[in-house]
Amino acid sequence: MSANRGIWKRKRDELGIRRSALILQLNLKPEDPGLAAQLRVIDAEILECTRNMEISLPSRTLPEAREN
């Protein structure tokens, strides 16, 4: 795993923990629009981290065909 990919994964994991805590709060107060807004922001940040992790993956190239 590349260093950049590891950083994005760690950030995504931390956001996942915050998201879980917000969902618990939202279950207790479903009428609170602030919690839902915070959840949307965290979801967007998780998506950004996931995309950056995918970009950090090494690109694979096909082996060149050998001539006989």
C-alpha atoms as a PDB file:
ATOM      1  CA  MET A   1       0.000   0.000   0.000  1.00  0.00           C
ATOM      2  CA  SER A   2       1.430   3.399  -0.915  1.00  0.00           C
ATOM      3  CA  ALA A   3       1.954   6.030   1.771  1.00  0.00           C
ATOM      4  CA  ASN A   4      -0.701   8.338   0.295  1.00  0.00           C
ATOM      5  CA  ARG A   5      -3.230   5.529   0.127  1.00  0.00           C
ATOM      6  CA  GLY A   6      -2.539   4.716   3.782  1.00  0.00           C
ATOM      7  CA  ILE A   7      -3.167   8.327   4.794  1.00  0.00           C
ATOM      8  CA  TRP A   8      -6.494   8.411   2.931  1.00  0.00           C
ATOM      9  CA  LYS A   9      -7.511   5.065   4.451  1.00  0.00           C
ATOM     10  CA  ARG A  10      -6.733   6.256   7.982  1.00  0.00           C
ATOM     11  CA  LYS A  11      -8.725   9.463   7.431  1.00  0.00           C
ATOM     12  CA  ARG A  12     -11.640   7.457   6.002  1.00  0.00           C
ATOM     13  CA  ASP A  13     -11.574   5.122   9.010  1.00  0.00           C
ATOM     14  CA  GLU A  14     -11.636   8.097  11.405  1.00  0.00           C
ATOM     15  CA  LEU A  15     -14.559   9.608   9.497  1.00  0.00           C
ATOM     16  CA  GLY A  16     -16.354   6.269   9.715  1.00  0.00           C
ATOM     17  CA  ILE A  17     -16.069   6.363  13.503  1.00  0.00           C
ATOM     18  CA  ARG A  18     -17.465   9.908  13.608  1.00  0.00           C
ATOM     19  CA  ARG A  19     -20.262   8.841  11.231  1.00  0.00           C
ATOM     20  CA  SER A  20     -21.235   5.939  13.487  1.00  0.00           C
ATOM     21  CA  ALA A  21     -21.457   8.246  16.498  1.00  0.00           C
ATOM     22  CA  LEU A  22     -23.636  10.683  14.539  1.00  0.00           C
ATOM     23  CA  ILE A  23     -25.978   7.894  13.455  1.00  0.00           C
ATOM     24  CA  LEU A  24     -26.452   6.910  17.097  1.00  0.00           C
ATOM     25  CA  GLN A  25     -27.301  10.534  17.948  1.00  0.00           C
ATOM     26  CA  LEU A  26     -29.630  10.751  14.954  1.00  0.00           C
ATOM     27  CA  ASN A  27     -31.485   7.641  16.175  1.00  0.00           C
ATOM     28  CA  LEU A  28     -32.097   9.429  19.478  1.00  0.00           C
ATOM     29  CA  LYS A  29     -33.118  12.729  17.855  1.00  0.00           C
ATOM     30  CA  PRO A  30     -34.390  12.021  14.330  1.00  0.00           C
ATOM     31  CA  GLU A  31     -35.982  15.465  14.096  1.00  0.00           C
ATOM     32  CA  ASP A  32     -32.611  17.279  14.413  1.00  0.00           C
ATOM     33  CA  PRO A  33     -31.725  18.648  10.944  1.00  0.00           C
ATOM     34  CA  GLY A  34     -28.239  19.638  12.116  1.00  0.00           C
ATOM     35  CA  LEU A  35     -27.252  16.036  12.686  1.00  0.00           C
ATOM     36  CA  ALA A  36     -28.460  15.049   9.228  1.00  0.00           C
ATOM     37  CA  ALA A  37     -26.476  17.906   7.692  1.00  0.00           C
ATOM     38  CA  GLN A  38     -23.324  16.825   9.536  1.00  0.00           C
ATOM     39  CA  LEU A  39     -23.873  13.272   8.325  1.00  0.00           C
ATOM     40  CA  ARG A  40     -24.089  14.452   4.701  1.00  0.00           C
ATOM     41  CA  VAL A  41     -20.804  16.350   5.073  1.00  0.00           C
ATOM     42  CA  ILE A  42     -19.055  13.315   6.535  1.00  0.00           C
ATOM     43  CA  ASP A  43     -20.454  11.078   3.778  1.00  0.00           C
ATOM     44  CA  ALA A  44     -19.029  13.472   1.170  1.00  0.00           C
ATOM     45  CA  GLU A  45     -15.635  13.413   2.889  1.00  0.00           C
ATOM     46  CA  ILE A  46     -15.664   9.597   3.022  1.00  0.00           C
ATOM     47  CA  LEU A  47     -16.438   9.516  -0.695  1.00  0.00           C
ATOM     48  CA  GLU A  48     -13.535  11.894  -1.374  1.00  0.00           C
ATOM     49  CA  CYS A  49     -11.168   9.695   0.647  1.00  0.00           C
ATOM     50  CA  THR A  50     -12.319   6.583  -1.207  1.00  0.00           C
ATOM     51  CA  ARG A  51     -11.761   8.261  -4.578  1.00  0.00           C
ATOM     52  CA  ASN A  52      -8.300   9.425  -3.523  1.00  0.00           C
ATOM     53  CA  MET A  53      -7.460   5.901  -2.389  1.00  0.00           C
ATOM     54  CA  GLU A  54      -8.463   4.577  -5.812  1.00  0.00           C
ATOM     55  CA  ILE A  55      -6.326   7.218  -7.518  1.00  0.00           C
ATOM     56  CA  SER A  56      -3.361   6.203  -5.323  1.00  0.00           C
ATOM     57  CA  LEU A  57      -3.470   2.627  -6.571  1.00  0.00           C
ATOM     58  CA  PRO A  58      -0.586   1.816  -8.882  1.00  0.00           C
ATOM     59  CA  SER A  59      -1.700   1.552 -12.475  1.00  0.00           C
ATOM     60  CA  ARG A  60      -1.255  -1.815 -14.066  1.00  0.00           C
ATOM     61  CA  THR A  61       0.073  -2.073 -17.531  1.00  0.00           C
ATOM     62  CA  LEU A  62      -0.435  -4.996 -19.810  1.00  0.00           C
ATOM     63  CA  PRO A  63       2.709  -6.908 -20.710  1.00  0.00           C
ATOM     64  CA  GLU A  64       3.907  -6.282 -24.214  1.00  0.00           C
ATOM     65  CA  ALA A  65       3.308  -9.075 -26.669  1.00  0.00           C
ATOM     66  CA  ARG A  66       6.469 -10.885 -27.787  1.00  0.00           C
ATOM     67  CA  GLU A  67       7.056 -11.469 -31.412  1.00  0.00           C
ATOM     68  CA  ASN A  68       7.814 -15.050 -32.448  1.00  0.00           C
END
